[in-house]
Amino acid sequence: MAWSRTTYQLIHQELPDGTTILVLAGDLDLTTVPALTWDLEQALARQPRRLVLDLARVTFVDVAAARLLAGATRPLPAAGPPVLRRASPEARRVLALTGLDSLCEFDD
C-alpha cells in the first residue's frame, strides 16, 4: 500500500479593507514550513491591516508550523494577532498544547 502526503498549497486574497486572507491547504510540517515562511513574508511585505489564515483545507499541523502561524504577525504589530479561520480540532490541539493559541484569534 502506497502512502502519500498532501503537499502544501496556498491561495492568496487581498480585500479592499486591507485584510489579507491566505487559504492554506495540505500538510503544514517541517518540510513545508520553508514555503509557508516565504508566503507569509510576501504577504506581510504588503503590510496588511489584518492577516487571516484559513485552515479549513489543512490536513496536518506540526509544532514548527504552529509556531510559525502563531507568530505570523509579529513583524507587523499593527495588524494584531493572526486570525486562524476554521482551524481543525487537531490544529487547535497542537496550538493549545504548546500555549501558542494565546497568540492567535480564532474565527470559526
PDB file of N, CA and C in Angstrom:
ATOM      1  N   MET A   1       0.839  -1.171   0.000  1.00  0.00           N
ATOM      2  CA  MET A   1       0.000   0.000   0.000  1.00  0.00           C
ATOM      3  C   MET A   1       0.890   1.243   0.000  1.00  0.00           C
ATOM      4  N   ALA A   2       0.667   2.128  -0.931  1.00  0.00           N
ATOM      5  CA  ALA A   2       1.462   3.359  -1.031  1.00  0.00           C
ATOM      6  C   ALA A   2       0.886   4.403  -0.087  1.00  0.00           C
ATOM      7  N   TRP A   3       1.778   5.130   0.543  1.00  0.00           N
ATOM      8  CA  TRP A   3       1.376   6.197   1.457  1.00  0.00           C
ATOM      9  C   TRP A   3       1.866   7.500   0.877  1.00  0.00           C
ATOM     10  N   SER A   4       0.998   8.477   0.740  1.00  0.00           N
ATOM     11  CA  SER A   4       1.429   9.764   0.197  1.00  0.00           C
ATOM     12  C   SER A   4       0.919  10.882   1.080  1.00  0.00           C
ATOM     13  N   ARG A   5       1.685  11.934   1.125  1.00  0.00           N
ATOM     14  CA  ARG A   5       1.327  13.110   1.908  1.00  0.00           C
ATOM     15  C   ARG A   5       0.778  14.178   0.976  1.00  0.00           C
ATOM     16  N   THR A   6      -0.138  14.945   1.468  1.00  0.00           N
ATOM     17  CA  THR A   6      -0.663  16.062   0.713  1.00  0.00           C
ATOM     18  C   THR A   6       0.358  17.186   0.759  1.00  0.00           C
ATOM     19  N   THR A   7       0.646  17.773  -0.364  1.00  0.00           N
ATOM     20  CA  THR A   7       1.588  18.868  -0.385  1.00  0.00           C
ATOM     21  C   THR A   7       0.893  20.169  -0.009  1.00  0.00           C
ATOM     22  N   TYR A   8       1.679  21.103   0.429  1.00  0.00           N
ATOM     23  CA  TYR A   8       1.183  22.414   0.842  1.00  0.00           C
ATOM     24  C   TYR A   8       0.791  23.241  -0.371  1.00  0.00           C
ATOM     25  N   GLN A   9      -0.323  23.958  -0.268  1.00  0.00           N
ATOM     26  CA  GLN A   9      -0.779  24.858  -1.317  1.00  0.00           C
ATOM     27  C   GLN A   9      -1.308  26.130  -0.681  1.00  0.00           C
ATOM     28  N   LEU A  10      -1.315  27.200  -1.471  1.00  0.00           N
ATOM     29  CA  LEU A  10      -1.752  28.494  -0.949  1.00  0.00           C
ATOM     30  C   LEU A  10      -2.601  29.220  -1.977  1.00  0.00           C
ATOM     31  N   ILE A  11      -3.656  29.866  -1.500  1.00  0.00           N
ATOM     32  CA  ILE A  11      -4.435  30.804  -2.302  1.00  0.00           C
ATOM     33  C   ILE A  11      -4.367  32.127  -1.552  1.00  0.00           C
ATOM     34  N   HIS A  12      -3.975  33.182  -2.242  1.00  0.00           N
ATOM     35  CA  HIS A  12      -3.773  34.497  -1.618  1.00  0.00           C
ATOM     36  C   HIS A  12      -4.891  35.431  -2.087  1.00  0.00           C
ATOM     37  N   GLN A  13      -5.482  36.156  -1.151  1.00  0.00           N
ATOM     38  CA  GLN A  13      -6.542  37.097  -1.499  1.00  0.00           C
ATOM     39  C   GLN A  13      -6.367  38.355  -0.661  1.00  0.00           C
ATOM     40  N   GLU A  14      -6.451  39.497  -1.315  1.00  0.00           N
ATOM     41  CA  GLU A  14      -6.398  40.765  -0.595  1.00  0.00           C
ATOM     42  C   GLU A  14      -7.740  41.459  -0.729  1.00  0.00           C
ATOM     43  N   LEU A  15      -8.282  41.939   0.389  1.00  0.00           N
ATOM     44  CA  LEU A  15      -9.565  42.615   0.399  1.00  0.00           C
ATOM     45  C   LEU A  15      -9.358  44.126   0.426  1.00  0.00           C
ATOM     46  N   PRO A  16     -10.336  44.889  -0.048  1.00  0.00           N
ATOM     47  CA  PRO A  16     -10.195  46.354  -0.080  1.00  0.00           C
ATOM     48  C   PRO A  16      -9.962  47.001   1.284  1.00  0.00           C
ATOM     49  N   ASP A  17     -10.400  46.354   2.372  1.00  0.00           N
ATOM     50  CA  ASP A  17     -10.235  46.947   3.698  1.00  0.00           C
ATOM     51  C   ASP A  17      -8.838  46.736   4.276  1.00  0.00           C
ATOM     52  N   GLY A  18      -7.932  46.153   3.490  1.00  0.00           N
ATOM     53  CA  GLY A  18      -6.569  45.929   3.959  1.00  0.00           C
ATOM     54  C   GLY A  18      -6.341  44.574   4.593  1.00  0.00           C
ATOM     55  N   THR A  19      -7.352  43.717   4.576  1.00  0.00           N
ATOM     56  CA  THR A  19      -7.215  42.366   5.098  1.00  0.00           C
ATOM     57  C   THR A  19      -6.603  41.471   4.037  1.00  0.00           C
ATOM     58  N   THR A  20      -5.630  40.682   4.440  1.00  0.00           N
ATOM     59  CA  THR A  20      -5.062  39.665   3.559  1.00  0.00           C
ATOM     60  C   THR A  20      -5.507  38.310   4.074  1.00  0.00           C
ATOM     61  N   ILE A  21      -6.061  37.508   3.174  1.00  0.00           N
ATOM     62  CA  ILE A  21      -6.503  36.162   3.518  1.00  0.00           C
ATOM     63  C   ILE A  21      -5.611  35.176   2.779  1.00  0.00           C
ATOM     64  N   LEU A  22      -5.025  34.261   3.535  1.00  0.00           N
ATOM     65  CA  LEU A  22      -4.257  33.177   2.947  1.00  0.00           C
ATOM     66  C   LEU A  22      -5.007  31.885   3.226  1.00  0.00           C
ATOM     67  N   VAL A  23      -5.459  31.227   2.175  1.00  0.00           N
ATOM     68  CA  VAL A  23      -6.140  29.948   2.309  1.00  0.00           C
ATOM     69  C   VAL A  23      -5.069  28.874   2.141  1.00  0.00           C
ATOM     70  N   LEU A  24      -4.799  28.158   3.207  1.00  0.00           N
ATOM     71  CA  LEU A  24      -3.754  27.147   3.204  1.00  0.00           C
ATOM     72  C   LEU A  24      -4.382  25.766   3.016  1.00  0.00           C
ATOM     73  N   ALA A  25      -3.648  24.889   2.361  1.00  0.00           N
ATOM     74  CA  ALA A  25      -4.143  23.528   2.143  1.00  0.00           C
ATOM     75  C   ALA A  25      -2.995  22.544   2.254  1.00  0.00           C
ATOM     76  N   GLY A  26      -3.308  21.349   2.698  1.00  0.00           N
ATOM     77  CA  GLY A  26      -2.311  20.289   2.793  1.00  0.00           C
ATOM     78  C   GLY A  26      -1.699  20.193   4.178  1.00  0.00           C
ATOM     79  N   ASP A  27      -0.522  19.588   4.224  1.00  0.00           N
ATOM     80  CA  ASP A  27       0.201  19.394   5.483  1.00  0.00           C
ATOM     81  C   ASP A  27       1.092  20.595   5.771  1.00  0.00           C
ATOM     82  N   LEU A  28       1.028  21.080   6.998  1.00  0.00           N
ATOM     83  CA  LEU A  28       1.933  22.140   7.452  1.00  0.00           C
ATOM     84  C   LEU A  28       2.893  21.468   8.428  1.00  0.00           C
ATOM     85  N   ASP A  29       4.065  21.157   7.932  1.00  0.00           N
ATOM     86  CA  ASP A  29       5.037  20.434   8.740  1.00  0.00           C
ATOM     87  C   ASP A  29       6.442  20.924   8.415  1.00  0.00           C
ATOM     88  N   LEU A  30       7.413  20.252   8.971  1.00  0.00           N
ATOM     89  CA  LEU A  30       8.810  20.661   8.808  1.00  0.00           C
ATOM     90  C   LEU A  30       9.214  20.787   7.342  1.00  0.00           C
ATOM     91  N   THR A  31       8.647  19.968   6.480  1.00  0.00           N
ATOM     92  CA  THR A  31       9.027  20.031   5.060  1.00  0.00           C
ATOM     93  C   THR A  31       8.365  21.181   4.316  1.00  0.00           C
ATOM     94  N   THR A  32       7.224  21.650   4.802  1.00  0.00           N
ATOM     95  CA  THR A  32       6.530  22.738   4.116  1.00  0.00           C
ATOM     96  C   THR A  32       6.706  24.097   4.791  1.00  0.00           C
ATOM     97  N   VAL A  33       7.288  24.124   5.992  1.00  0.00           N
ATOM     98  CA  VAL A  33       7.499  25.389   6.703  1.00  0.00           C
ATOM     99  C   VAL A  33       8.319  26.396   5.891  1.00  0.00           C
ATOM    100  N   PRO A  34       9.375  25.991   5.166  1.00  0.00           N
ATOM    101  CA  PRO A  34      10.100  26.995   4.373  1.00  0.00           C
ATOM    102  C   PRO A  34       9.213  27.704   3.332  1.00  0.00           C
ATOM    103  N   ALA A  35       8.365  26.953   2.640  1.00  0.00           N
ATOM    104  CA  ALA A  35       7.470  27.567   1.654  1.00  0.00           C
ATOM    105  C   ALA A  35       6.437  28.455   2.344  1.00  0.00           C
ATOM    106  N   LEU A  36       5.904  27.994   3.465  1.00  0.00           N
ATOM    107  CA  LEU A  36       4.940  28.784   4.218  1.00  0.00           C
ATOM    108  C   LEU A  36       5.587  30.058   4.746  1.00  0.00           C
ATOM    109  N   THR A  37       6.819  29.964   5.215  1.00  0.00           N
ATOM    110  CA  THR A  37       7.545  31.142   5.694  1.00  0.00           C
ATOM    111  C   THR A  37       7.670  32.172   4.578  1.00  0.00           C
ATOM    112  N   TRP A  38       8.067  31.725   3.400  1.00  0.00           N
ATOM    113  CA  TRP A  38       8.219  32.632   2.261  1.00  0.00           C
ATOM    114  C   TRP A  38       6.888  33.286   1.909  1.00  0.00           C
ATOM    115  N   ASP A  39       5.810  32.491   1.872  1.00  0.00           N
ATOM    116  CA  ASP A  39       4.495  33.035   1.542  1.00  0.00           C
ATOM    117  C   ASP A  39       4.038  34.068   2.580  1.00  0.00           C
ATOM    118  N   LEU A  40       4.285  33.785   3.853  1.00  0.00           N
ATOM    119  CA  LEU A  40       3.918  34.747   4.900  1.00  0.00           C
ATOM    120  C   LEU A  40       4.737  36.031   4.774  1.00  0.00           C
ATOM    121  N   GLU A  41       6.026  35.901   4.493  1.00  0.00           N
ATOM    122  CA  GLU A  41       6.867  37.090   4.309  1.00  0.00           C
ATOM    123  C   GLU A  41       6.371  37.945   3.152  1.00  0.00           C
ATOM    124  N   GLN A  42       5.985  37.311   2.061  1.00  0.00           N
ATOM    125  CA  GLN A  42       5.466  38.041   0.900  1.00  0.00           C
ATOM    126  C   GLN A  42       4.162  38.760   1.245  1.00  0.00           C
ATOM    127  N   ALA A  43       3.291  38.091   1.976  1.00  0.00           N
ATOM    128  CA  ALA A  43       2.018  38.707   2.367  1.00  0.00           C
ATOM    129  C   ALA A  43       2.245  39.874   3.321  1.00  0.00           C
ATOM    130  N   LEU A  44       3.151  39.718   4.275  1.00  0.00           N
ATOM    131  CA  LEU A  44       3.410  40.779   5.250  1.00  0.00           C
ATOM    132  C   LEU A  44       4.152  41.956   4.638  1.00  0.00           C
ATOM    133  N   ALA A  45       4.883  41.728   3.565  1.00  0.00           N
ATOM    134  CA  ALA A  45       5.597  42.819   2.895  1.00  0.00           C
ATOM    135  C   ALA A  45       4.614  43.872   2.369  1.00  0.00           C
ATOM    136  N   ARG A  46       3.386  43.478   2.126  1.00  0.00           N
ATOM    137  CA  ARG A  46       2.353  44.415   1.667  1.00  0.00           C
ATOM    138  C   ARG A  46       1.701  45.160   2.827  1.00  0.00           C
ATOM    139  N   GLN A  47       2.135  44.865   4.037  1.00  0.00           N
ATOM    140  CA  GLN A  47       1.672  45.486   5.272  1.00  0.00           C
ATOM    141  C   GLN A  47       0.148  45.491   5.409  1.00  0.00           C
ATOM    142  N   PRO A  48      -0.435  44.303   5.487  1.00  0.00           N
ATOM    143  CA  PRO A  48      -1.899  44.237   5.640  1.00  0.00           C
ATOM    144  C   PRO A  48      -2.330  44.790   6.992  1.00  0.00           C
ATOM    145  N   ARG A  49      -3.566  45.262   7.041  1.00  0.00           N
ATOM    146  CA  ARG A  49      -4.125  45.746   8.300  1.00  0.00           C
ATOM    147  C   ARG A  49      -4.521  44.568   9.186  1.00  0.00           C
ATOM    148  N   ARG A  50      -4.771  43.408   8.545  1.00  0.00           N
ATOM    149  CA  ARG A  50      -5.179  42.208   9.276  1.00  0.00           C
ATOM    150  C   ARG A  50      -4.793  40.999   8.435  1.00  0.00           C
ATOM    151  N   LEU A  51      -4.330  39.941   9.087  1.00  0.00           N
ATOM    152  CA  LEU A  51      -3.937  38.721   8.395  1.00  0.00           C
ATOM    153  C   LEU A  51      -4.840  37.573   8.857  1.00  0.00           C
ATOM    154  N   VAL A  52      -5.541  36.978   7.893  1.00  0.00           N
ATOM    155  CA  VAL A  52      -6.425  35.848   8.165  1.00  0.00           C
ATOM    156  C   VAL A  52      -5.830  34.622   7.485  1.00  0.00           C
ATOM    157  N   LEU A  53      -5.650  33.566   8.253  1.00  0.00           N
ATOM    158  CA  LEU A  53      -5.134  32.304   7.736  1.00  0.00           C
ATOM    159  C   LEU A  53      -6.269  31.285   7.789  1.00  0.00           C
ATOM    160  N   ASP A  54      -6.799  30.946   6.628  1.00  0.00           N
ATOM    161  CA  ASP A  54      -7.897  29.988   6.551  1.00  0.00           C
ATOM    162  C   ASP A  54      -7.307  28.589   6.529  1.00  0.00           C
ATOM    163  N   LEU A  55      -7.612  27.807   7.553  1.00  0.00           N
ATOM    164  CA  LEU A  55      -7.032  26.472   7.716  1.00  0.00           C
ATOM    165  C   LEU A  55      -8.010  25.345   7.407  1.00  0.00           C
ATOM    166  N   ALA A  56      -9.142  25.648   6.784  1.00  0.00           N
ATOM    167  CA  ALA A  56     -10.162  24.625   6.533  1.00  0.00           C
ATOM    168  C   ALA A  56      -9.634  23.460   5.708  1.00  0.00           C
ATOM    169  N   ARG A  57      -8.667  23.708   4.835  1.00  0.00           N
ATOM    170  CA  ARG A  57      -8.145  22.657   3.958  1.00  0.00           C
ATOM    171  C   ARG A  57      -6.816  22.074   4.447  1.00  0.00           C
ATOM    172  N   VAL A  58      -6.415  22.447   5.640  1.00  0.00           N
ATOM    173  CA  VAL A  58      -5.164  21.939   6.199  1.00  0.00           C
ATOM    174  C   VAL A  58      -5.421  20.565   6.807  1.00  0.00           C
ATOM    175  N   THR A  59      -4.579  19.605   6.450  1.00  0.00           N
ATOM    176  CA  THR A  59      -4.774  18.227   6.905  1.00  0.00           C
ATOM    177  C   THR A  59      -3.905  17.855   8.106  1.00  0.00           C
ATOM    178  N   PHE A  60      -2.842  18.643   8.364  1.00  0.00           N
ATOM    179  CA  PHE A  60      -1.933  18.326   9.461  1.00  0.00           C
ATOM    180  C   PHE A  60      -1.153  19.580   9.823  1.00  0.00           C
ATOM    181  N   VAL A  61      -0.929  19.788  11.124  1.00  0.00           N
ATOM    182  CA  VAL A  61      -0.109  20.906  11.606  1.00  0.00           C
ATOM    183  C   VAL A  61       0.854  20.357  12.649  1.00  0.00           C
ATOM    184  N   ASP A  62       2.163  20.552  12.434  1.00  0.00           N
ATOM    185  CA  ASP A  62       3.120  20.143  13.460  1.00  0.00           C
ATOM    186  C   ASP A  62       3.509  21.371  14.290  1.00  0.00           C
ATOM    187  N   VAL A  63       4.344  21.161  15.281  1.00  0.00           N
ATOM    188  CA  VAL A  63       4.713  22.236  16.207  1.00  0.00           C
ATOM    189  C   VAL A  63       5.454  23.364  15.498  1.00  0.00           C
ATOM    190  N   ALA A  64       6.339  23.029  14.564  1.00  0.00           N
ATOM    191  CA  ALA A  64       7.081  24.068  13.834  1.00  0.00           C
ATOM    192  C   ALA A  64       6.126  24.964  13.056  1.00  0.00           C
ATOM    193  N   ALA A  65       5.148  24.375  12.395  1.00  0.00           N
ATOM    194  CA  ALA A  65       4.174  25.154  11.637  1.00  0.00           C
ATOM    195  C   ALA A  65       3.270  25.958  12.574  1.00  0.00           C
ATOM    196  N   ALA A  66       2.875  25.364  13.695  1.00  0.00           N
ATOM    197  CA  ALA A  66       2.043  26.076  14.665  1.00  0.00           C
ATOM    198  C   ALA A  66       2.771  27.308  15.189  1.00  0.00           C
ATOM    199  N   ARG A  67       4.048  27.159  15.469  1.00  0.00           N
ATOM    200  CA  ARG A  67       4.870  28.277  15.943  1.00  0.00           C
ATOM    201  C   ARG A  67       4.903  29.390  14.886  1.00  0.00           C
ATOM    202  N   LEU A  68       5.050  29.001  13.631  1.00  0.00           N
ATOM    203  CA  LEU A  68       5.086  29.974  12.539  1.00  0.00           C
ATOM    204  C   LEU A  68       3.744  30.686  12.387  1.00  0.00           C
ATOM    205  N   LEU A  69       2.656  29.943  12.431  1.00  0.00           N
ATOM    206  CA  LEU A  69       1.328  30.547  12.302  1.00  0.00           C
ATOM    207  C   LEU A  69       1.049  31.529  13.436  1.00  0.00           C
ATOM    208  N   ALA A  70       1.341  31.111  14.662  1.00  0.00           N
ATOM    209  CA  ALA A  70       1.060  31.950  15.832  1.00  0.00           C
ATOM    210  C   ALA A  70       1.876  33.230  15.835  1.00  0.00           C
ATOM    211  N   GLY A  71       3.085  33.171  15.295  1.00  0.00           N
ATOM    212  CA  GLY A  71       3.948  34.346  15.275  1.00  0.00           C
ATOM    213  C   GLY A  71       3.934  35.092  13.957  1.00  0.00           C
ATOM    214  N   ALA A  72       2.990  34.769  13.093  1.00  0.00           N
ATOM    215  CA  ALA A  72       2.985  35.323  11.736  1.00  0.00           C
ATOM    216  C   ALA A  72       2.981  36.846  11.687  1.00  0.00           C
ATOM    217  N   THR A  73       2.260  37.490  12.574  1.00  0.00           N
ATOM    218  CA  THR A  73       2.159  38.950  12.505  1.00  0.00           C
ATOM    219  C   THR A  73       3.139  39.663  13.436  1.00  0.00           C
ATOM    220  N   ARG A  74       4.020  38.926  14.068  1.00  0.00           N
ATOM    221  CA  ARG A  74       4.995  39.547  14.966  1.00  0.00           C
ATOM    222  C   ARG A  74       5.765  40.691  14.283  1.00  0.00           C
ATOM    223  N   PRO A  75       6.197  40.531  13.020  1.00  0.00           N
ATOM    224  CA  PRO A  75       6.915  41.635  12.377  1.00  0.00           C
ATOM    225  C   PRO A  75       6.032  42.847  12.058  1.00  0.00           C
ATOM    226  N   LEU A  76       4.728  42.700  12.192  1.00  0.00           N
ATOM    227  CA  LEU A  76       3.793  43.763  11.858  1.00  0.00           C
ATOM    228  C   LEU A  76       2.769  43.924  12.982  1.00  0.00           C
ATOM    229  N   PRO A  77       3.196  44.462  14.136  1.00  0.00           N
ATOM    230  CA  PRO A  77       2.319  44.515  15.314  1.00  0.00           C
ATOM    231  C   PRO A  77       0.992  45.232  15.092  1.00  0.00           C
ATOM    232  N   ALA A  78       0.953  46.212  14.204  1.00  0.00           N
ATOM    233  CA  ALA A  78      -0.291  46.945  13.970  1.00  0.00           C
ATOM    234  C   ALA A  78      -1.385  46.056  13.388  1.00  0.00           C
ATOM    235  N   ALA A  79      -1.017  44.931  12.803  1.00  0.00           N
ATOM    236  CA  ALA A  79      -2.003  44.016  12.221  1.00  0.00           C
ATOM    237  C   ALA A  79      -2.728  43.204  13.289  1.00  0.00           C
ATOM    238  N   GLY A  80      -2.242  43.225  14.517  1.00  0.00           N
ATOM    239  CA  GLY A  80      -2.867  42.436  15.572  1.00  0.00           C
ATOM    240  C   GLY A  80      -2.487  40.975  15.439  1.00  0.00           C
ATOM    241  N   PRO A  81      -3.105  40.135  16.252  1.00  0.00           N
ATOM    242  CA  PRO A  81      -2.764  38.705  16.192  1.00  0.00           C
ATOM    243  C   PRO A  81      -3.270  38.089  14.889  1.00  0.00           C
ATOM    244  N   PRO A  82      -2.616  37.032  14.426  1.00  0.00           N
ATOM    245  CA  PRO A  82      -3.129  36.361  13.233  1.00  0.00           C
ATOM    246  C   PRO A  82      -4.485  35.732  13.546  1.00  0.00           C
ATOM    247  N   VAL A  83      -5.382  35.816  12.586  1.00  0.00           N
ATOM    248  CA  VAL A  83      -6.701  35.215  12.734  1.00  0.00           C
ATOM    249  C   VAL A  83      -6.654  33.853  12.062  1.00  0.00           C
ATOM    250  N   LEU A  84      -6.930  32.809  12.832  1.00  0.00           N
ATOM    251  CA  LEU A  84      -6.958  31.459  12.283  1.00  0.00           C
ATOM    252  C   LEU A  84      -8.417  31.082  12.061  1.00  0.00           C
ATOM    253  N   ARG A  85      -8.783  31.005  10.807  1.00  0.00           N
ATOM    254  CA  ARG A  85     -10.172  30.713  10.436  1.00  0.00           C
ATOM    255  C   ARG A  85     -10.341  29.222  10.160  1.00  0.00           C
ATOM    256  N   ARG A  86     -11.380  28.663  10.723  1.00  0.00           N
ATOM    257  CA  ARG A  86     -11.765  27.262  10.510  1.00  0.00           C
ATOM    258  C   ARG A  86     -10.633  26.276  10.784  1.00  0.00           C
ATOM    259  N   ALA A  87      -9.945  26.499  11.896  1.00  0.00           N
ATOM    260  CA  ALA A  87      -8.869  25.579  12.300  1.00  0.00           C
ATOM    261  C   ALA A  87      -9.480  24.261  12.754  1.00  0.00           C
ATOM    262  N   SER A  88      -8.891  23.169  12.330  1.00  0.00           N
ATOM    263  CA  SER A  88      -9.387  21.846  12.705  1.00  0.00           C
ATOM    264  C   SER A  88      -9.159  21.613  14.197  1.00  0.00           C
ATOM    265  N   PRO A  89      -9.886  20.667  14.776  1.00  0.00           N
ATOM    266  CA  PRO A  89      -9.650  20.332  16.187  1.00  0.00           C
ATOM    267  C   PRO A  89      -8.198  19.900  16.431  1.00  0.00           C
ATOM    268  N   GLU A  90      -7.609  19.203  15.461  1.00  0.00           N
ATOM    269  CA  GLU A  90      -6.218  18.767  15.606  1.00  0.00           C
ATOM    270  C   GLU A  90      -5.266  19.953  15.650  1.00  0.00           C
ATOM    271  N   ALA A  91      -5.484  20.931  14.761  1.00  0.00           N
ATOM    272  CA  ALA A  91      -4.637  22.125  14.738  1.00  0.00           C
ATOM    273  C   ALA A  91      -4.797  22.905  16.045  1.00  0.00           C
ATOM    274  N   ARG A  92      -6.023  23.047  16.497  1.00  0.00           N
ATOM    275  CA  ARG A  92      -6.265  23.747  17.768  1.00  0.00           C
ATOM    276  C   ARG A  92      -5.581  23.029  18.927  1.00  0.00           C
ATOM    277  N   ARG A  93      -5.584  21.706  18.882  1.00  0.00           N
ATOM    278  CA  ARG A  93      -4.962  20.934  19.959  1.00  0.00           C
ATOM    279  C   ARG A  93      -3.463  21.195  20.012  1.00  0.00           C
ATOM    280  N   VAL A  94      -2.799  21.199  18.857  1.00  0.00           N
ATOM    281  CA  VAL A  94      -1.356  21.477  18.815  1.00  0.00           C
ATOM    282  C   VAL A  94      -1.088  22.879  19.349  1.00  0.00           C
ATOM    283  N   LEU A  95      -1.890  23.838  18.933  1.00  0.00           N
ATOM    284  CA  LEU A  95      -1.710  25.212  19.409  1.00  0.00           C
ATOM    285  C   LEU A  95      -1.957  25.311  20.914  1.00  0.00           C
ATOM    286  N   ALA A  96      -2.966  24.618  21.401  1.00  0.00           N
ATOM    287  CA  ALA A  96      -3.270  24.658  22.837  1.00  0.00           C
ATOM    288  C   ALA A  96      -2.182  23.980  23.657  1.00  0.00           C
ATOM    289  N   LEU A  97      -1.715  22.817  23.208  1.00  0.00           N
ATOM    290  CA  LEU A  97      -0.686  22.090  23.949  1.00  0.00           C
ATOM    291  C   LEU A  97       0.623  22.865  24.050  1.00  0.00           C
ATOM    292  N   THR A  98       0.904  23.686  23.050  1.00  0.00           N
ATOM    293  CA  THR A  98       2.138  24.468  23.050  1.00  0.00           C
ATOM    294  C   THR A  98       1.955  25.853  23.666  1.00  0.00           C
ATOM    295  N   GLY A  99       0.713  26.209  23.983  1.00  0.00           N
ATOM    296  CA  GLY A  99       0.441  27.535  24.532  1.00  0.00           C
ATOM    297  C   GLY A  99       0.405  28.617  23.472  1.00  0.00           C
ATOM    298  N   LEU A 100       0.530  28.238  22.214  1.00  0.00           N
ATOM    299  CA  LEU A 100       0.553  29.220  21.126  1.00  0.00           C
ATOM    300  C   LEU A 100      -0.833  29.751  20.794  1.00  0.00           C
ATOM    301  N   ASP A 101      -1.874  29.087  21.257  1.00  0.00           N
ATOM    302  CA  ASP A 101      -3.232  29.554  20.985  1.00  0.00           C
ATOM    303  C   ASP A 101      -3.495  30.939  21.569  1.00  0.00           C
ATOM    304  N   SER A 102      -2.767  31.300  22.614  1.00  0.00           N
ATOM    305  CA  SER A 102      -2.951  32.621  23.231  1.00  0.00           C
ATOM    306  C   SER A 102      -2.439  33.749  22.349  1.00  0.00           C
ATOM    307  N   LEU A 103      -1.669  33.414  21.318  1.00  0.00           N
ATOM    308  CA  LEU A 103      -1.129  34.423  20.405  1.00  0.00           C
ATOM    309  C   LEU A 103      -1.991  34.602  19.159  1.00  0.00           C
ATOM    310  N   CYS A 104      -3.096  33.866  19.100  1.00  0.00           N
ATOM    311  CA  CYS A 104      -3.941  33.862  17.916  1.00  0.00           C
ATOM    312  C   CYS A 104      -5.362  34.280  18.255  1.00  0.00           C
ATOM    313  N   GLU A 105      -6.062  34.679  17.212  1.00  0.00           N
ATOM    314  CA  GLU A 105      -7.502  34.911  17.311  1.00  0.00           C
ATOM    315  C   GLU A 105      -8.140  33.823  16.453  1.00  0.00           C
ATOM    316  N   PHE A 106      -9.210  33.230  16.930  1.00  0.00           N
ATOM    317  CA  PHE A 106      -9.864  32.153  16.198  1.00  0.00           C
ATOM    318  C   PHE A 106     -11.196  32.625  15.647  1.00  0.00           C
ATOM    319  N   ASP A 107     -11.465  32.239  14.419  1.00  0.00           N
ATOM    320  CA  ASP A 107     -12.714  32.585  13.742  1.00  0.00           C
ATOM    321  C   ASP A 107     -13.243  31.304  13.105  1.00  0.00           C
ATOM    322  N   ASP A 108     -14.359  30.838  13.614  1.00  0.00           N
ATOM    323  CA  ASP A 108     -14.934  29.608  13.073  1.00  0.00           C
ATOM    324  C   ASP A 108     -16.013  29.968  12.102  1.00  0.00           C
TER     325      ASP A 108
END
